[in-house]
Amino acid sequence: MMLDWNAYRAALKTGVGAFGRLSPDTVRSYVGLSSAGAKKDVLGAKTRELIALAVAVAQRCDGCITIHTEQALKLGASEDEIAEALGVAIALGAGASLVYSTRVMDAVATYEAAEA
């Protein structure tokens, strides 16, 4: 095990609570933003949590990973469903690197053209 995710999640909740006491409007606004997508509930809570896990990986957010893993499992997500969602994150991460590599090459060409 790389990290004690249960202890980390508990510490994170404590830290967010402390931050909320310092900046309640910020945390209240975050909670409002986080729950806004659930109002229509078109995708369903489990699907939203699977998407959140893929985004958590893409954003490299350990806090997001621990919170959304707990929620996905509570909502009945299987390991296979989680792995499939993570496969999408992995594929898009590689795809995004490929797309942004073309941007670097465009920048190289622009730089070289300006130097000529």
Protein backbone atom coordinates (compact mmCIF):
# COMPACT_ATOMS: atom_id res chain seq x y z
CA MET A 1 0.00 0.00 0.00
CA MET A 2 1.42 3.37 -1.03
CA LEU A 3 -0.75 5.51 1.21
CA ASP A 4 -3.18 4.96 4.07
CA TRP A 5 -6.12 6.36 2.12
CA ASN A 6 -8.53 6.13 5.05
CA ALA A 7 -6.25 8.15 7.33
CA TYR A 8 -5.53 10.60 4.52
CA ARG A 9 -9.26 11.07 3.83
CA ALA A 10 -9.92 11.73 7.53
CA ALA A 11 -7.04 14.24 7.71
CA LEU A 12 -8.25 15.91 4.53
CA LYS A 13 -11.77 16.31 5.93
CA THR A 14 -10.31 17.86 9.07
CA GLY A 15 -8.13 20.20 7.00
CA VAL A 16 -11.01 21.27 4.77
CA GLY A 17 -13.14 21.88 7.88
CA ALA A 18 -10.42 24.10 9.35
CA PHE A 19 -10.07 25.98 6.07
CA GLY A 20 -13.86 26.36 5.97
CA ARG A 21 -13.77 28.12 9.31
CA LEU A 22 -11.22 30.58 7.89
CA SER A 23 -12.92 31.04 4.54
CA PRO A 24 -16.51 29.80 4.75
CA ASP A 25 -17.67 31.45 1.53
CA THR A 26 -14.95 29.70 -0.45
CA VAL A 27 -15.86 26.26 0.86
CA ARG A 28 -19.59 26.93 0.60
CA SER A 29 -19.13 28.01 -3.03
CA TYR A 30 -17.05 24.91 -3.76
CA VAL A 31 -19.75 22.67 -2.29
CA GLY A 32 -22.36 24.45 -4.42
CA LEU A 33 -20.26 24.00 -7.54
CA SER A 34 -19.59 20.35 -6.73
CA SER A 35 -23.26 19.55 -6.26
CA ALA A 36 -24.60 21.59 -9.20
CA GLY A 37 -24.17 18.79 -11.72
CA ALA A 38 -26.18 16.37 -9.61
CA LYS A 39 -29.36 18.45 -9.64
CA LYS A 40 -30.71 16.98 -12.90
CA ASP A 41 -29.18 13.55 -12.16
CA VAL A 42 -29.12 12.56 -15.82
CA LEU A 43 -25.95 10.47 -15.54
CA GLY A 44 -26.57 9.06 -12.09
CA ALA A 45 -24.39 9.38 -9.03
CA LYS A 46 -22.22 6.32 -9.72
CA THR A 47 -21.37 7.47 -13.25
CA ARG A 48 -20.52 10.95 -11.96
CA GLU A 49 -18.17 9.37 -9.39
CA LEU A 50 -16.49 7.26 -12.09
CA ILE A 51 -15.97 10.41 -14.16
CA ALA A 52 -14.64 12.17 -11.07
CA LEU A 53 -12.11 9.37 -10.55
CA ALA A 54 -10.87 9.66 -14.13
CA VAL A 55 -10.54 13.43 -13.75
CA ALA A 56 -8.84 12.97 -10.36
CA VAL A 57 -6.18 10.86 -12.07
CA ALA A 58 -5.82 13.35 -14.92
CA GLN A 59 -5.44 16.21 -12.42
CA ARG A 60 -3.20 14.16 -10.10
CA CYS A 61 -5.34 15.00 -7.06
CA ASP A 62 -4.90 12.55 -4.17
CA GLY A 63 -7.65 14.26 -2.21
CA CYS A 64 -10.06 13.77 -5.12
CA ILE A 65 -8.97 10.14 -5.44
CA THR A 66 -9.70 9.27 -1.83
CA ILE A 67 -13.04 11.10 -1.64
CA HIS A 68 -14.38 9.85 -4.99
CA THR A 69 -13.11 6.28 -4.51
CA GLU A 70 -15.05 6.08 -1.26
CA GLN A 71 -18.18 7.48 -2.91
CA ALA A 72 -17.92 5.30 -6.03
CA LEU A 73 -17.62 2.17 -3.90
CA LYS A 74 -20.53 3.24 -1.67
CA LEU A 75 -22.62 3.70 -4.82
CA GLY A 76 -21.83 0.17 -5.98
CA ALA A 77 -19.05 0.75 -8.49
CA SER A 78 -17.10 -2.42 -9.16
CA GLU A 79 -13.35 -2.65 -9.54
CA ASP A 80 -13.91 -3.40 -13.24
CA GLU A 81 -15.98 -0.21 -13.68
CA ILE A 82 -13.36 1.83 -11.86
CA ALA A 83 -10.58 0.29 -13.95
CA GLU A 84 -12.48 1.08 -17.17
CA ALA A 85 -12.95 4.72 -16.12
CA LEU A 86 -9.25 4.93 -15.29
CA GLY A 87 -8.43 3.44 -18.68
CA VAL A 88 -10.17 6.42 -20.26
CA ALA A 89 -8.05 8.78 -18.13
CA ILE A 90 -4.89 6.96 -19.18
CA ALA A 91 -5.82 7.02 -22.88
CA LEU A 92 -6.71 10.71 -22.80
CA GLY A 93 -3.55 11.53 -20.89
CA ALA A 94 -1.50 9.97 -23.65
CA GLY A 95 -3.69 11.56 -26.30
CA ALA A 96 -3.38 14.98 -24.68
CA SER A 97 0.40 14.59 -24.62
CA LEU A 98 0.35 13.77 -28.31
CA VAL A 99 -1.85 16.78 -29.13
CA TYR A 100 0.26 19.14 -27.02
CA SER A 101 3.40 17.76 -28.63
CA THR A 102 2.09 19.14 -31.93
CA ARG A 103 1.77 22.53 -30.22
CA VAL A 104 5.44 22.37 -29.20
CA MET A 105 6.43 21.55 -32.77
CA ASP A 106 4.30 24.47 -33.98
CA ALA A 107 6.11 26.73 -31.52
CA VAL A 108 9.45 25.41 -32.80
CA ALA A 109 8.44 26.17 -36.39
CA THR A 110 7.23 29.66 -35.43
CA TYR A 111 10.47 30.37 -33.56
CA GLU A 112 12.63 29.10 -36.41
CA ALA A 113 10.63 31.13 -38.98
CA ALA A 114 11.13 34.30 -36.94
CA GLU A 115 14.88 33.63 -36.74
CA ALA A 116 15.23 33.12 -40.49
